[in-house]
N, C-alpha and C. Protein backbone atom coordinates (compact mmCIF):
# COMPACT_ATOMS: atom_id res chain seq x y z
N MET A 1 85.55 159.74 145.86
CA MET A 1 86.84 159.63 145.19
C MET A 1 87.39 157.87 144.92
N GLY A 2 87.91 156.76 143.82
CA GLY A 2 87.85 156.16 144.05
C GLY A 2 89.45 156.17 144.43
N ALA A 3 90.03 154.86 144.89
CA ALA A 3 91.50 154.37 144.96
C ALA A 3 91.95 154.78 143.66
N VAL A 4 93.89 155.00 143.81
CA VAL A 4 94.45 154.39 142.65
C VAL A 4 95.44 153.68 142.86
N HIS A 5 96.06 153.27 142.33
CA HIS A 5 97.06 152.09 142.43
C HIS A 5 98.36 152.85 141.55
N ASP A 6 99.30 153.04 142.53
CA ASP A 6 100.31 153.59 142.21
C ASP A 6 101.66 153.12 141.44
N THR A 7 101.90 153.66 140.73
CA THR A 7 103.20 152.87 139.99
C THR A 7 102.67 152.09 139.06
N PRO A 8 101.69 151.94 138.30
CA PRO A 8 100.95 151.14 137.22
C PRO A 8 102.59 150.75 136.40
N ALA A 9 102.55 149.42 135.74
CA ALA A 9 103.63 148.82 134.91
C ALA A 9 102.70 149.25 134.06
N LYS A 10 101.38 148.94 133.76
CA LYS A 10 101.22 149.29 132.01
C LYS A 10 100.07 149.99 131.62
N GLY A 11 100.55 151.20 132.76
CA GLY A 11 99.44 152.66 132.85
C GLY A 11 98.29 152.42 133.54
N LEU A 12 97.61 153.54 133.63
CA LEU A 12 96.19 153.77 134.58
C LEU A 12 94.84 153.76 133.38
N VAL A 13 94.41 152.74 134.09
CA VAL A 13 92.57 152.41 133.83
C VAL A 13 91.38 152.69 134.73
N LEU A 14 91.15 153.66 133.92
CA LEU A 14 89.62 154.45 134.68
C LEU A 14 88.82 153.54 134.69
N VAL A 15 87.77 152.97 135.36
CA VAL A 15 87.02 152.25 135.70
C VAL A 15 85.40 152.90 136.14
N VAL A 16 84.94 153.47 135.60
CA VAL A 16 83.50 153.73 135.93
C VAL A 16 82.11 153.10 135.94
N GLU A 17 81.82 152.59 137.23
CA GLU A 17 80.88 151.35 137.14
C GLU A 17 79.75 151.54 138.98
N ASP A 18 78.98 151.56 139.04
CA ASP A 18 78.42 151.86 139.75
C ASP A 18 77.75 150.99 140.66
N GLU A 19 77.93 149.36 139.95
CA GLU A 19 78.13 148.50 140.87
C GLU A 19 79.33 147.75 141.62
N HIS A 20 79.28 147.80 142.74
CA HIS A 20 80.51 147.80 143.97
C HIS A 20 81.08 146.49 143.51
N PRO A 21 80.88 145.56 143.24
CA PRO A 21 80.83 143.89 143.74
C PRO A 21 81.63 144.19 142.44
N ILE A 22 80.82 144.89 141.04
CA ILE A 22 81.68 144.14 139.77
C ILE A 22 82.72 145.06 139.42
N ALA A 23 82.79 146.29 140.16
CA ALA A 23 83.84 147.48 139.77
C ALA A 23 84.90 146.85 140.82
N ASP A 24 85.29 146.18 141.61
CA ASP A 24 85.71 145.66 142.77
C ASP A 24 86.47 144.37 142.56
N LEU A 25 85.73 143.01 141.51
CA LEU A 25 86.24 142.65 140.59
C LEU A 25 87.28 142.81 139.18
N VAL A 26 86.43 144.02 138.76
CA VAL A 26 87.30 144.35 137.42
C VAL A 26 88.74 145.46 137.77
N ARG A 27 89.02 145.56 139.07
CA ARG A 27 90.04 146.17 139.57
C ARG A 27 91.00 144.84 140.01
N LEU A 28 90.58 144.43 140.61
CA LEU A 28 91.72 143.01 140.84
C LEU A 28 92.27 142.37 139.57
N TYR A 29 91.29 142.23 138.49
CA TYR A 29 92.06 141.82 137.61
C TYR A 29 93.00 142.50 136.68
N LEU A 30 92.25 143.98 136.17
CA LEU A 30 93.38 144.42 136.00
C LEU A 30 94.24 144.54 136.90
N SER A 31 94.45 144.76 137.86
CA SER A 31 95.79 145.05 138.96
C SER A 31 96.79 143.51 138.92
N ARG A 32 95.81 142.62 139.01
CA ARG A 32 96.37 141.61 138.48
C ARG A 32 97.32 141.56 137.56
N ASP A 33 97.15 142.60 136.30
CA ASP A 33 97.62 142.38 135.08
C ASP A 33 98.92 143.34 135.05
N GLY A 34 98.87 144.17 135.99
CA GLY A 34 99.94 145.29 136.10
C GLY A 34 98.93 146.56 135.50
N PHE A 35 98.22 146.67 135.68
CA PHE A 35 97.69 147.85 135.29
C PHE A 35 97.49 149.15 136.68
N GLY A 36 97.45 150.20 136.47
CA GLY A 36 96.96 150.87 137.69
C GLY A 36 95.69 150.70 137.52
N VAL A 37 94.74 151.32 138.70
CA VAL A 37 93.10 151.22 138.50
C VAL A 37 92.35 152.64 139.25
N HIS A 38 91.64 152.91 139.12
CA HIS A 38 91.08 154.10 139.57
C HIS A 38 89.87 153.84 139.09
N VAL A 39 88.88 153.64 140.18
CA VAL A 39 87.33 153.33 140.43
C VAL A 39 86.92 154.51 140.88
N GLU A 40 85.39 155.14 139.93
CA GLU A 40 84.75 155.99 140.13
C GLU A 40 82.84 155.45 140.00
N HIS A 41 82.13 155.57 140.68
CA HIS A 41 80.71 155.66 140.81
C HIS A 41 79.72 155.84 139.95
N ASP A 42 79.85 157.35 139.90
CA ASP A 42 78.72 157.66 139.23
C ASP A 42 79.14 158.93 137.89
N GLY A 43 78.41 159.05 137.45
CA GLY A 43 79.08 159.48 135.88
C GLY A 43 80.18 160.61 135.83
N SER A 44 79.52 161.85 136.46
CA SER A 44 80.07 163.32 136.99
C SER A 44 81.21 163.13 137.43
N ALA A 45 81.89 162.23 138.53
CA ALA A 45 82.86 162.22 139.08
C ALA A 45 83.80 161.23 138.02
N GLY A 46 83.01 160.80 137.40
CA GLY A 46 84.24 159.61 136.13
C GLY A 46 84.54 160.21 134.85
N LEU A 47 83.36 161.45 134.61
CA LEU A 47 84.30 162.30 133.28
C LEU A 47 85.14 163.21 134.05
N ALA A 48 85.44 164.07 135.32
CA ALA A 48 86.37 164.59 135.85
C ALA A 48 87.20 163.81 136.06
N ALA A 49 87.29 162.78 136.84
CA ALA A 49 88.51 161.69 136.40
C ALA A 49 88.96 161.61 135.16
N ALA A 50 88.37 161.18 134.03
CA ALA A 50 88.83 161.43 132.57
C ALA A 50 89.81 162.53 132.73
N ARG A 51 89.34 163.54 132.82
CA ARG A 51 90.09 164.72 132.51
C ARG A 51 90.89 164.91 133.43
N ARG A 52 91.07 164.50 134.55
CA ARG A 52 91.95 164.68 135.76
C ARG A 52 93.84 163.71 135.13
N LEU A 53 93.34 162.73 135.35
CA LEU A 53 94.10 161.41 135.12
C LEU A 53 95.10 161.06 134.08
N ARG A 54 93.74 161.29 132.56
CA ARG A 54 94.68 160.95 131.65
C ARG A 54 94.88 159.45 131.57
N PRO A 55 94.02 158.59 131.77
CA PRO A 55 93.90 157.47 131.85
C PRO A 55 94.24 156.76 130.72
N VAL A 56 95.29 155.43 130.58
CA VAL A 56 95.35 154.82 129.28
C VAL A 56 94.25 154.31 128.78
N ALA A 57 93.15 153.98 129.22
CA ALA A 57 91.74 153.35 129.22
C ALA A 57 90.81 153.65 129.99
N CYS A 58 89.81 153.55 129.34
CA CYS A 58 88.82 154.03 130.51
C CYS A 58 87.50 152.64 129.95
N ILE A 59 87.07 151.80 131.03
CA ILE A 59 85.86 151.37 131.26
C ILE A 59 84.37 151.88 131.63
N LEU A 60 83.85 152.14 131.12
CA LEU A 60 82.61 152.86 131.54
C LEU A 60 81.07 152.16 131.53
N ASP A 61 80.25 151.81 132.57
CA ASP A 61 79.51 151.53 132.56
C ASP A 61 78.02 152.56 131.72
N ILE A 62 77.73 151.77 130.74
CA ILE A 62 76.39 153.17 130.13
C ILE A 62 75.41 153.61 131.03
N ALA A 63 74.98 152.43 131.87
CA ALA A 63 73.85 152.84 133.04
C ALA A 63 74.70 153.56 134.31
N LEU A 64 74.48 154.50 134.43
CA LEU A 64 75.44 155.24 135.81
C LEU A 64 74.56 156.76 136.21
N PRO A 65 74.44 156.27 137.81
CA PRO A 65 73.68 157.67 138.05
C PRO A 65 74.69 159.01 137.76
N GLY A 66 73.79 160.18 137.81
CA GLY A 66 74.20 161.35 137.07
C GLY A 66 74.62 161.52 135.73
N MET A 67 75.01 160.95 135.03
CA MET A 67 75.71 160.83 133.68
C MET A 67 75.78 159.63 133.11
N ASP A 68 75.44 158.86 132.47
CA ASP A 68 75.53 157.99 131.77
C ASP A 68 76.95 157.95 130.63
N GLY A 69 77.17 156.55 130.48
CA GLY A 69 78.52 156.29 130.03
C GLY A 69 78.55 157.00 128.69
N THR A 70 77.55 156.91 127.92
CA THR A 70 77.58 157.34 126.16
C THR A 70 77.99 159.01 126.68
N GLU A 71 77.30 159.61 127.89
CA GLU A 71 77.77 161.12 127.46
C GLU A 71 79.09 161.34 128.03
N ILE A 72 79.13 161.04 129.15
CA ILE A 72 80.97 160.45 129.26
C ILE A 72 82.05 160.31 127.91
N CYS A 73 81.61 159.44 127.42
CA CYS A 73 82.53 159.39 126.15
C CYS A 73 81.99 160.71 124.81
N ARG A 74 80.97 160.42 125.24
CA ARG A 74 80.91 161.86 124.04
C ARG A 74 81.25 163.32 124.37
N ARG A 75 81.36 163.63 125.94
CA ARG A 75 82.39 164.89 126.02
C ARG A 75 83.55 164.64 126.29
N MET A 76 83.89 163.65 126.41
CA MET A 76 85.47 163.29 126.29
C MET A 76 86.30 163.64 124.73
N ARG A 77 85.48 163.21 123.66
CA ARG A 77 85.59 163.34 122.16
C ARG A 77 85.28 164.51 122.26
N ALA A 78 84.63 164.90 122.76
CA ALA A 78 84.64 166.64 122.24
C ALA A 78 85.46 167.72 122.42
N ASP A 79 86.35 167.24 123.77
CA ASP A 79 86.97 167.15 124.32
C ASP A 79 88.68 167.68 123.24
N GLY A 80 88.11 166.38 122.55
CA GLY A 80 89.57 165.97 121.82
C GLY A 80 90.23 164.93 122.41
N ASP A 81 89.71 164.46 123.45
CA ASP A 81 90.49 162.87 124.02
C ASP A 81 89.77 161.99 123.22
N TRP A 82 90.54 161.20 123.20
CA TRP A 82 90.21 159.67 122.14
C TRP A 82 90.96 158.57 122.82
N THR A 83 91.43 158.66 124.13
CA THR A 83 91.46 157.72 124.36
C THR A 83 90.75 156.19 124.51
N PRO A 84 91.10 155.22 124.85
CA PRO A 84 90.23 154.46 124.41
C PRO A 84 89.21 153.69 125.20
N VAL A 85 87.93 153.77 124.98
CA VAL A 85 87.02 153.44 125.86
C VAL A 85 86.00 151.91 125.51
N ILE A 86 85.91 151.44 126.41
CA ILE A 86 85.00 149.80 126.42
C ILE A 86 83.49 150.53 127.29
N PHE A 87 82.92 149.95 126.60
CA PHE A 87 81.32 150.33 127.18
C PHE A 87 81.19 148.75 128.19
N LEU A 88 80.42 149.12 128.93
CA LEU A 88 79.47 147.63 129.85
C LEU A 88 78.31 148.08 129.96
N THR A 89 77.76 146.86 129.41
CA THR A 89 76.39 147.30 129.34
C THR A 89 75.51 145.94 130.37
N ALA A 90 74.47 146.25 130.94
CA ALA A 90 73.79 145.17 131.55
C ALA A 90 72.43 144.93 130.48
N ARG A 91 72.37 145.71 129.54
CA ARG A 91 71.03 145.29 128.60
C ARG A 91 71.85 144.37 127.39
N ASP A 92 71.54 143.08 127.14
CA ASP A 92 71.19 142.94 125.80
C ASP A 92 70.86 143.46 124.88
N ASP A 93 71.04 144.94 124.48
CA ASP A 93 70.00 145.89 123.35
C ASP A 93 71.03 146.33 122.87
N GLU A 94 70.84 145.95 121.06
CA GLU A 94 71.66 146.66 120.01
C GLU A 94 71.49 147.96 119.81
N ILE A 95 70.27 148.59 120.19
CA ILE A 95 70.45 150.61 119.87
C ILE A 95 71.06 150.39 120.99
N ASP A 96 71.55 150.29 122.36
CA ASP A 96 72.23 151.25 123.43
C ASP A 96 73.76 150.58 123.01
N ARG A 97 74.19 149.26 122.53
CA ARG A 97 75.57 149.33 122.04
C ARG A 97 76.25 149.96 120.69
N ILE A 98 74.96 150.10 119.74
CA ILE A 98 75.10 150.54 118.14
C ILE A 98 75.53 152.25 119.04
N LEU A 99 74.62 152.77 119.48
CA LEU A 99 74.63 154.61 120.18
C LEU A 99 76.22 154.45 121.06
N GLY A 100 76.76 153.25 122.03
CA GLY A 100 77.58 153.76 122.35
C GLY A 100 78.62 154.27 121.64
N LEU A 101 79.29 153.15 120.27
CA LEU A 101 80.09 153.14 119.12
C LEU A 101 79.60 154.25 118.36
N GLU A 102 78.75 155.01 118.18
CA GLU A 102 78.70 155.59 117.13
C GLU A 102 79.29 156.80 117.79
N LEU A 103 79.24 157.09 119.25
CA LEU A 103 79.81 158.18 119.94
C LEU A 103 80.91 158.10 120.47
N GLY A 104 81.81 157.44 119.60
CA GLY A 104 83.08 157.13 119.77
C GLY A 104 83.48 155.96 120.55
N GLY A 105 82.96 155.19 121.17
CA GLY A 105 82.93 153.77 121.40
C GLY A 105 84.03 152.61 121.09
N ASP A 106 85.08 152.24 121.76
CA ASP A 106 85.78 150.99 120.92
C ASP A 106 85.47 149.90 120.63
N ASP A 107 84.18 149.57 121.81
CA ASP A 107 84.44 148.11 121.90
C ASP A 107 82.76 148.00 123.19
N TYR A 108 82.42 146.96 123.33
CA TYR A 108 81.77 147.26 124.37
C TYR A 108 81.40 144.96 125.47
N VAL A 109 81.03 145.28 126.12
CA VAL A 109 81.25 143.95 126.85
C VAL A 109 79.54 143.64 127.54
N THR A 110 78.86 142.86 127.07
CA THR A 110 77.72 142.74 128.06
C THR A 110 77.63 142.06 129.28
N LYS A 111 76.95 142.07 130.15
CA LYS A 111 77.01 141.71 131.37
C LYS A 111 76.18 140.39 131.64
N PRO A 112 76.52 139.34 132.32
CA PRO A 112 77.87 139.28 133.12
C PRO A 112 78.49 138.91 132.08
N PHE A 113 80.03 139.40 132.59
CA PHE A 113 81.25 139.09 131.18
C PHE A 113 82.23 138.42 131.72
N SER A 114 82.85 137.80 131.18
CA SER A 114 84.29 137.29 132.19
C SER A 114 85.37 138.44 132.44
N PRO A 115 85.37 138.58 133.45
CA PRO A 115 86.76 139.77 133.93
C PRO A 115 88.12 139.50 132.87
N ARG A 116 88.57 137.82 133.04
CA ARG A 116 89.86 138.04 132.12
C ARG A 116 89.49 137.98 130.57
N GLU A 117 88.43 137.98 130.06
CA GLU A 117 88.07 138.28 128.44
C GLU A 117 88.12 140.14 128.41
N LEU A 118 87.74 140.51 129.78
CA LEU A 118 87.32 142.16 129.47
C LEU A 118 88.99 142.89 129.60
N VAL A 119 89.88 142.28 130.33
CA VAL A 119 91.07 142.58 130.63
C VAL A 119 91.92 142.16 129.33
N THR A 120 91.63 141.24 128.85
CA THR A 120 91.80 140.79 127.18
C THR A 120 91.75 141.70 126.03
N ARG A 121 90.37 142.22 126.49
CA ARG A 121 89.86 143.43 125.48
C ARG A 121 90.91 144.72 125.75
N VAL A 122 90.80 145.09 126.96
CA VAL A 122 91.70 146.16 127.18
C VAL A 122 93.04 146.24 126.48
N LYS A 123 93.81 145.21 127.00
CA LYS A 123 95.32 144.98 125.95
C LYS A 123 95.12 145.00 124.53
N ALA A 124 94.27 144.10 123.85
CA ALA A 124 94.15 144.75 122.66
C ALA A 124 93.93 145.94 121.78
N LEU A 125 92.66 146.27 122.76
CA LEU A 125 93.00 148.50 122.40
C LEU A 125 94.28 148.92 122.61
N LEU A 126 94.70 148.68 124.04
CA LEU A 126 96.32 149.24 123.71
C LEU A 126 97.12 149.67 123.04
N ARG A 127 97.56 148.32 122.55
CA ARG A 127 98.14 147.53 121.70
C ARG A 127 97.76 148.21 120.52
N ARG A 128 96.81 148.16 119.87
CA ARG A 128 96.47 148.88 118.70
C ARG A 128 96.72 150.65 118.53
N ALA A 129 96.02 151.05 120.15
CA ALA A 129 96.29 152.46 120.35
C ALA A 129 98.13 153.08 119.99
N GLY A 130 99.04 151.88 120.86
CA GLY A 130 100.29 152.39 120.72
C GLY A 130 100.93 152.08 119.57
N GLY A 131 100.49 151.33 118.74
CA GLY A 131 100.40 150.79 117.13
C GLY A 131 102.05 150.80 117.07
N THR A 132 102.68 150.39 115.69
CA THR A 132 103.91 149.80 115.46
C THR A 132 103.93 150.33 114.06
N PRO A 133 105.33 150.69 114.29
CA PRO A 133 106.21 151.87 112.81
C PRO A 133 106.20 150.40 111.67
N ASP A 134 104.94 151.36 110.87
CA ASP A 134 104.83 150.29 109.29
C ASP A 134 104.61 151.66 108.55
N ARG A 135 104.89 151.37 107.59
CA ARG A 135 104.75 152.52 106.29
C ARG A 135 103.33 153.06 106.04
N VAL A 136 104.03 154.18 105.18
CA VAL A 136 102.71 155.00 105.08
C VAL A 136 101.91 154.51 104.34
N ARG A 137 100.57 154.28 103.90
CA ARG A 137 99.66 154.03 103.34
C ARG A 137 98.93 155.38 102.66
N THR A 138 98.44 155.18 101.00
CA THR A 138 97.89 156.53 100.99
C THR A 138 97.03 155.58 99.90
N LEU A 139 95.90 156.52 99.56
CA LEU A 139 94.52 155.69 98.62
C LEU A 139 94.12 156.97 97.94
N GLY A 140 93.96 157.79 96.74
CA GLY A 140 93.04 159.03 96.54
C GLY A 140 93.45 159.78 97.55
N PRO A 141 92.38 160.65 97.95
CA PRO A 141 93.48 162.13 99.22
C PRO A 141 93.84 160.98 100.27
N VAL A 142 93.66 159.76 100.93
CA VAL A 142 93.65 159.62 101.88
C VAL A 142 95.31 159.21 102.75
N THR A 143 95.73 159.30 103.45
CA THR A 143 96.92 159.47 104.11
C THR A 143 96.98 159.03 105.39
N LEU A 144 98.04 157.64 105.91
CA LEU A 144 97.54 157.33 107.09
C LEU A 144 98.74 156.78 107.35
N ASP A 145 99.61 157.09 108.31
CA ASP A 145 101.39 157.21 108.82
C ASP A 145 100.49 156.27 110.34
N PRO A 146 100.95 154.79 110.03
CA PRO A 146 101.24 154.18 111.28
C PRO A 146 101.72 154.24 112.81
N ALA A 147 103.23 155.31 111.52
CA ALA A 147 104.06 155.31 112.79
C ALA A 147 103.67 156.38 113.80
N LYS A 148 103.17 157.52 113.01
CA LYS A 148 102.39 159.05 113.82
C LYS A 148 101.02 158.66 114.34
N ARG A 149 100.67 157.41 113.72
CA ARG A 149 98.79 157.51 114.13
C ARG A 149 98.09 158.83 113.76
N SER A 150 98.29 158.56 112.26
CA SER A 150 97.82 159.98 111.95
C SER A 150 96.93 159.92 110.65
N VAL A 151 95.85 160.46 110.38
CA VAL A 151 95.04 160.74 108.81
C VAL A 151 94.91 161.88 108.82
N THR A 152 95.27 162.06 107.20
CA THR A 152 94.89 163.16 106.20
C THR A 152 94.37 163.01 105.16
N VAL A 153 93.58 163.92 104.78
CA VAL A 153 92.07 163.25 103.98
C VAL A 153 92.73 164.91 103.09
N ASP A 154 93.56 165.07 102.26
CA ASP A 154 94.08 166.13 101.46
C ASP A 154 94.50 166.95 102.19
N GLY A 155 95.25 166.51 102.91
CA GLY A 155 96.74 167.17 103.61
C GLY A 155 95.38 167.63 105.14
N ALA A 156 94.32 167.59 105.34
CA ALA A 156 93.86 167.81 106.43
C ALA A 156 93.89 166.78 107.31
N ALA A 157 94.34 167.08 108.57
CA ALA A 157 94.07 165.71 109.86
C ALA A 157 92.48 165.12 110.29
N LEU A 158 92.24 163.74 110.31
CA LEU A 158 91.27 163.50 110.77
C LEU A 158 91.21 162.89 112.68
N SER A 159 90.62 163.48 113.30
CA SER A 159 90.37 162.67 114.54
C SER A 159 89.73 161.05 114.53
N LEU A 160 90.24 160.31 114.47
CA LEU A 160 89.74 158.84 114.91
C LEU A 160 90.15 158.08 115.90
N THR A 161 89.23 157.20 116.42
CA THR A 161 89.02 156.34 117.88
C THR A 161 90.43 155.21 117.71
N PRO A 162 91.36 154.43 118.40
CA PRO A 162 91.85 153.60 117.82
C PRO A 162 91.46 152.53 117.39
N THR A 163 90.19 152.26 117.13
CA THR A 163 89.71 151.12 116.20
C THR A 163 89.25 151.50 115.02
N GLU A 164 88.50 152.93 115.16
CA GLU A 164 88.37 153.41 113.86
C GLU A 164 89.97 153.65 112.57
N PHE A 165 90.93 153.98 113.58
CA PHE A 165 92.31 154.13 113.19
C PHE A 165 93.02 152.92 112.12
N ASP A 166 92.52 151.74 113.00
CA ASP A 166 93.12 150.06 112.72
C ASP A 166 91.94 149.92 111.66
N LEU A 167 90.79 149.94 111.91
CA LEU A 167 90.00 149.34 110.59
C LEU A 167 90.88 150.20 109.62
N LEU A 168 90.52 151.63 109.31
CA LEU A 168 90.97 152.00 107.83
C LEU A 168 92.07 151.48 107.56
N GLY A 169 93.35 150.96 108.23
CA GLY A 169 94.85 151.26 108.22
C GLY A 169 94.98 149.51 107.76
N HIS A 170 93.70 149.05 108.04
CA HIS A 170 93.62 147.21 107.66
C HIS A 170 93.18 147.36 106.53
N LEU A 171 91.83 148.20 106.12
CA LEU A 171 91.35 147.99 104.98
C LEU A 171 92.78 148.85 103.73
N LEU A 172 93.25 149.80 104.05
CA LEU A 172 94.21 150.41 103.46
C LEU A 172 95.42 149.83 102.92
N GLY A 173 95.45 148.71 103.76
CA GLY A 173 96.84 148.00 103.94
C GLY A 173 96.81 146.96 102.43
N ARG A 174 95.82 146.56 102.14
CA ARG A 174 95.19 145.29 101.12
C ARG A 174 94.78 146.19 100.13
N PRO A 175 94.68 147.31 99.21
CA PRO A 175 93.71 148.20 98.53
C PRO A 175 93.19 146.92 97.10
N GLY A 176 91.77 146.89 97.20
CA GLY A 176 91.06 145.69 96.35
C GLY A 176 90.69 144.93 97.23
N ARG A 177 91.05 144.28 98.21
CA ARG A 177 91.03 143.09 98.95
C ARG A 177 90.01 143.30 99.09
N VAL A 178 88.51 142.28 99.31
CA VAL A 178 87.57 142.46 100.18
C VAL A 178 87.63 141.55 101.43
N PHE A 179 87.07 142.25 102.63
CA PHE A 179 87.40 141.31 103.95
C PHE A 179 86.07 141.26 104.36
N THR A 180 85.81 139.75 104.87
CA THR A 180 84.72 139.75 105.57
C THR A 180 84.21 140.64 106.73
N ARG A 181 83.18 140.77 107.22
CA ARG A 181 83.08 141.89 108.35
C ARG A 181 83.41 140.20 109.48
N GLU A 182 83.54 138.91 109.50
CA GLU A 182 84.16 138.52 110.35
C GLU A 182 85.52 138.02 110.40
N GLU A 183 85.96 138.59 109.46
CA GLU A 183 87.82 138.82 109.33
C GLU A 183 88.56 140.19 109.85
N LEU A 184 87.76 141.34 109.70
CA LEU A 184 87.69 142.27 110.32
C LEU A 184 87.78 142.12 111.32
N LEU A 185 86.45 141.92 112.27
CA LEU A 185 86.85 141.79 113.75
C LEU A 185 87.68 141.39 114.19
N ALA A 186 87.89 139.82 113.96
CA ALA A 186 89.37 139.54 114.40
C ALA A 186 90.45 139.67 113.81
N SER A 187 90.50 140.23 112.54
CA SER A 187 91.49 141.02 112.48
C SER A 187 92.30 142.57 113.77
N VAL A 188 91.24 142.81 113.58
CA VAL A 188 90.88 144.82 113.99
C VAL A 188 90.79 144.86 115.53
N TRP A 189 89.24 143.48 116.36
CA TRP A 189 89.34 143.71 117.53
C TRP A 189 89.85 142.70 118.11
N GLY A 190 90.75 141.60 117.33
CA GLY A 190 91.09 140.27 117.99
C GLY A 190 90.26 139.68 119.01
N TYR A 191 88.93 139.66 118.42
CA TYR A 191 87.76 138.24 118.59
C TYR A 191 86.97 138.30 116.88
N ALA A 192 86.31 137.05 116.94
CA ALA A 192 85.40 136.42 115.86
C ALA A 192 84.17 136.12 117.00
N SER A 193 82.98 136.66 116.19
CA SER A 193 81.92 136.56 117.36
C SER A 193 80.32 136.96 115.74
N ALA A 194 80.06 136.16 115.63
CA ALA A 194 79.00 136.53 114.61
C ALA A 194 78.23 138.14 115.16
N ALA A 195 77.66 137.48 116.35
CA ALA A 195 76.64 138.39 117.06
C ALA A 195 77.63 140.20 117.18
N GLY A 196 78.97 140.02 117.01
CA GLY A 196 79.72 141.56 116.88
C GLY A 196 80.02 141.89 115.39
N THR A 197 79.18 141.48 114.77
CA THR A 197 79.21 142.20 112.91
C THR A 197 78.71 143.24 112.94
N ARG A 198 77.55 143.30 113.63
CA ARG A 198 77.17 144.44 113.57
C ARG A 198 77.86 145.85 113.96
N THR A 199 78.63 145.16 114.86
CA THR A 199 80.11 146.38 115.97
C THR A 199 80.77 147.13 114.08
N VAL A 200 81.75 146.12 113.29
CA VAL A 200 82.02 146.38 112.10
C VAL A 200 81.46 146.88 111.26
N ASP A 201 79.46 147.33 110.97
CA ASP A 201 79.22 148.30 109.99
C ASP A 201 78.73 149.16 110.66
N VAL A 202 79.06 149.29 111.93
CA VAL A 202 78.62 151.15 112.84
C VAL A 202 80.33 151.32 112.47
N HIS A 203 81.16 150.98 112.68
CA HIS A 203 82.58 151.70 112.98
C HIS A 203 82.69 151.98 111.46
N VAL A 204 82.54 150.87 110.32
CA VAL A 204 82.86 151.58 109.14
C VAL A 204 81.90 152.82 108.72
N ALA A 205 80.75 153.19 109.06
CA ALA A 205 79.68 154.12 108.79
C ALA A 205 80.81 155.28 109.54
N GLN A 206 80.99 155.12 110.90
CA GLN A 206 81.97 155.94 111.69
C GLN A 206 83.00 156.80 111.01
N VAL A 207 84.09 155.35 110.00
CA VAL A 207 84.55 156.11 109.23
C VAL A 207 84.15 156.65 108.05
N ARG A 208 83.57 156.31 107.49
CA ARG A 208 82.78 157.13 106.32
C ARG A 208 82.33 158.19 106.25
N ALA A 209 81.85 158.30 107.58
CA ALA A 209 81.31 160.04 108.21
C ALA A 209 82.78 160.97 108.50
N LYS A 210 83.67 160.63 108.60
CA LYS A 210 85.17 160.87 108.83
C LYS A 210 85.69 161.33 107.83
N LEU A 211 85.57 160.92 107.09
CA LEU A 211 86.72 160.72 106.12
C LEU A 211 85.88 162.19 104.53
N GLY A 212 84.33 162.57 105.04
CA GLY A 212 84.33 163.04 104.11
C GLY A 212 83.44 163.12 102.53
N THR A 213 84.64 163.77 102.03
CA THR A 213 84.55 163.40 100.78
C THR A 213 85.14 162.42 99.93
N ALA A 214 86.23 162.14 100.89
CA ALA A 214 86.62 160.98 100.18
C ALA A 214 85.80 159.56 100.96
N ALA A 215 84.96 159.42 101.46
CA ALA A 215 84.21 158.13 101.95
C ALA A 215 83.99 157.19 100.85
N ALA A 216 83.83 157.35 100.30
CA ALA A 216 83.69 156.41 98.63
C ALA A 216 84.84 155.36 98.13
N LEU A 217 85.88 155.88 99.07
CA LEU A 217 87.31 154.90 98.82
C LEU A 217 86.56 153.58 99.45
N ILE A 218 86.14 153.69 100.86
CA ILE A 218 85.45 152.33 101.70
C ILE A 218 84.25 151.89 100.55
N ARG A 219 84.14 150.82 100.40
CA ARG A 219 83.04 150.18 99.21
C ARG A 219 82.28 148.68 100.30
N THR A 220 81.26 148.67 100.13
CA THR A 220 80.34 148.29 100.43
C THR A 220 80.60 146.86 99.45
N VAL A 221 80.43 145.64 99.88
CA VAL A 221 80.40 144.41 98.99
C VAL A 221 79.45 143.65 99.39
N ARG A 222 78.15 143.81 98.69
CA ARG A 222 77.11 143.18 99.51
C ARG A 222 77.17 141.97 99.52
N GLY A 223 76.66 141.35 101.12
CA GLY A 223 76.91 140.00 101.15
C GLY A 223 78.26 139.32 101.33
N VAL A 224 78.84 140.43 101.28
CA VAL A 224 80.63 139.78 101.49
C VAL A 224 81.15 140.83 102.83
N GLY A 225 81.66 142.11 102.69
CA GLY A 225 82.11 142.75 103.79
C GLY A 225 82.74 143.94 103.12
N TYR A 226 83.62 144.36 103.25
CA TYR A 226 84.14 145.62 103.09
C TYR A 226 85.89 145.96 101.88
N THR A 227 85.79 147.20 101.49
CA THR A 227 87.20 146.88 101.07
C THR A 227 86.99 148.12 100.06
N ALA A 228 88.57 148.66 100.58
CA ALA A 228 89.00 150.07 99.94
C ALA A 228 89.59 150.72 98.50
N ASP A 229 89.08 151.23 98.44
CA ASP A 229 89.68 150.85 96.86
C ASP A 229 89.62 152.29 95.95
N ASP A 230 90.55 152.52 95.09
CA ASP A 230 89.92 154.01 94.55
C ASP A 230 89.61 154.34 93.36
């Protein structure tokens, strides 16, 4: 069982990574930034730790012994646990990344990676998950309350990941305004990269799926990006 750094200033991050040198490096950089860190090296132990410890964020390697990272995430989401998840993958394979995001992941980092960048991604996710009080936004049957981090469609509550919530909130914040994929990536994810725009498409598809009958509120503007319009 991995060690836990007690009394973390910024909360506990769960790292599930079977390559010990990588896990140690991630733990070092997160600890330096004020996070507590718990490390597991196989998938089954990682899922048990997520359920037991309730971390503020999870960093999951996709390729793990026993149970892969996407399965850990899938089971967490099935439990109603929407803790922010960042996937690590050694394979620069778009199918792997998209699969992870469709199962409820919030972001991904491809190995080799900068540990400083990974810490920055974690902090950006937690800022979004924590949210800041803002006005309630309503468009058609959809109501989004940033202070409560809640979304309803015709009064029925939806379960969104932190990234899905912030993406929808960004679109609803300026109805009718067309955002490019690069703009959404920079504003919602906190970084801009042409290679990451597919991430935006996957998350938009996931938000639409969860909106159900209200999915048409998010429109694709061909060759440009997306807009929310009634």
